[in-house]
Amino acid sequence: MPVYVSVTGFRPNGWLSLPAFWWRTLRSLNQARTAPGIVQVEARIIDGNYHTMTVWNDKASMHRFVTSGAHRNAMKNFRSLGSGKTYGFVVDQVPDWSLAYSLWRQHGRKV
């Protein structure tokens, strides 16, 4: 059964923005872990970028998550805290981290 995968990478502006970034990140991760339609949530730091990979039953479930709750509030302050890229795609099964990260590097768009 196909799943929708969303990979994000965020680079905070500097150490002064880290407390606000972490507050919003932890709240958003908690929201994601209990969101309807979630399959998997992972977070990693690579080369100074804070990454998440979320896997969903479908794109509609991911969209409902992004536009609600803690994640929606975090996005309101996104640009004041740093910059990032995102990439979403459909695959037949949950990908491993290296594939998802590679696709993000190749196709991610700035948000």
Protein backbone atom coordinates (compact mmCIF):
# COMPACT_ATOMS: atom_id res chain seq x y z
CA MET A 1 0.00 0.00 0.00
CA PRO A 2 1.48 3.39 -0.98
CA VAL A 3 2.47 5.93 1.69
CA TYR A 4 3.18 9.65 1.55
CA VAL A 5 6.59 10.72 2.86
CA SER A 6 7.49 14.25 3.91
CA VAL A 7 11.13 15.17 4.57
CA THR A 8 12.12 18.55 5.96
CA GLY A 9 15.42 20.17 6.79
CA PHE A 10 15.71 23.35 8.86
CA ARG A 11 18.74 25.44 9.72
CA PRO A 12 18.25 27.85 12.64
CA ASN A 13 19.62 31.38 12.24
CA GLY A 14 21.95 30.90 15.20
CA TRP A 15 22.17 29.77 18.77
CA LEU A 16 19.86 32.56 19.96
CA SER A 17 16.98 31.09 17.96
CA LEU A 18 17.54 27.53 19.24
CA PRO A 19 15.33 27.69 22.37
CA ALA A 20 12.31 28.93 20.39
CA PHE A 21 13.07 26.46 17.61
CA TRP A 22 13.29 23.50 20.03
CA TRP A 23 10.11 24.51 21.84
CA ARG A 24 8.19 24.53 18.55
CA THR A 25 9.90 21.40 17.27
CA LEU A 26 9.15 19.27 20.31
CA ARG A 27 5.51 20.34 20.32
CA SER A 28 5.20 19.60 16.58
CA LEU A 29 6.87 16.18 16.95
CA ASN A 30 4.46 15.29 19.75
CA GLN A 31 1.56 16.36 17.58
CA ALA A 32 2.87 14.30 14.64
CA ARG A 33 3.27 11.15 16.74
CA THR A 34 -0.45 11.16 17.59
CA ALA A 35 -1.85 12.61 14.34
CA PRO A 36 -4.47 10.61 12.45
CA GLY A 37 -2.88 8.82 9.51
CA ILE A 38 0.70 8.84 10.82
CA VAL A 39 2.82 5.77 10.12
CA GLN A 40 6.28 6.86 11.28
CA VAL A 41 8.12 9.92 12.66
CA GLU A 42 11.92 10.31 12.65
CA ALA A 43 14.18 13.26 13.46
CA ARG A 44 17.91 13.66 12.84
CA ILE A 45 20.58 16.35 12.73
CA ILE A 46 22.80 16.23 9.65
CA ASP A 47 25.39 18.91 8.77
CA GLY A 48 23.75 21.49 11.02
CA ASN A 49 20.28 20.89 9.56
CA TYR A 50 17.48 19.59 11.74
CA HIS A 51 15.56 17.00 9.73
CA THR A 52 12.29 15.21 10.10
CA MET A 53 10.88 12.39 8.06
CA THR A 54 7.20 11.70 8.55
CA VAL A 55 5.37 8.89 6.80
CA TRP A 56 1.61 9.08 6.33
CA ASN A 57 -1.19 6.86 5.08
CA ASP A 58 -1.94 9.56 2.52
CA LYS A 59 -1.15 13.15 1.58
CA ALA A 60 -4.47 14.40 2.99
CA SER A 61 -3.48 13.20 6.49
CA MET A 62 -0.16 15.05 6.24
CA HIS A 63 -1.93 18.19 5.03
CA ARG A 64 -4.37 18.14 7.98
CA PHE A 65 -1.38 17.87 10.35
CA VAL A 66 0.58 20.70 8.71
CA THR A 67 -2.35 23.10 8.85
CA SER A 68 -3.35 22.51 12.47
CA GLY A 69 -2.18 22.68 16.06
CA ALA A 70 1.42 23.10 17.12
CA HIS A 71 2.78 22.67 13.60
CA ARG A 72 0.63 25.47 12.23
CA ASN A 73 1.78 27.75 15.04
CA ALA A 74 5.42 26.83 14.42
CA MET A 75 5.11 27.72 10.74
CA LYS A 76 3.97 31.24 11.64
CA ASN A 77 7.47 31.89 13.10
CA PHE A 78 9.42 29.82 10.60
CA ARG A 79 11.25 32.60 8.75
CA SER A 80 12.18 34.49 11.92
CA LEU A 81 13.97 31.39 13.26
CA GLY A 82 15.84 30.16 10.18
CA SER A 83 15.40 28.62 6.75
CA GLY A 84 14.70 25.24 5.28
CA LYS A 85 13.61 22.94 2.50
CA THR A 86 10.94 20.30 2.21
CA TYR A 87 10.14 17.43 -0.14
CA GLY A 88 7.16 15.11 -0.26
CA PHE A 89 6.68 11.98 -2.33
CA VAL A 90 4.64 8.79 -2.65
CA VAL A 91 6.29 5.36 -2.45
CA ASP A 92 5.05 1.79 -2.12
CA GLN A 93 6.62 1.23 1.30
CA VAL A 94 8.29 3.18 4.10
CA PRO A 95 11.73 4.24 2.79
CA ASP A 96 14.94 4.05 4.78
CA TRP A 97 16.46 7.28 5.96
CA SER A 98 19.26 7.35 3.37
CA LEU A 99 16.83 7.20 0.43
CA ALA A 100 14.55 9.88 1.90
CA TYR A 101 17.51 12.16 2.67
CA SER A 102 18.96 11.67 -0.82
CA LEU A 103 15.65 12.60 -2.44
CA TRP A 104 15.36 15.64 -0.17
CA ARG A 105 18.85 16.81 -1.22
CA GLN A 106 18.00 16.36 -4.91
CA HIS A 107 14.45 17.73 -4.98
CA GLY A 108 13.84 19.75 -1.82
CA ARG A 109 12.36 23.18 -2.32
CA LYS A 110 12.90 26.20 -0.11
CA VAL A 111 10.01 27.20 2.08
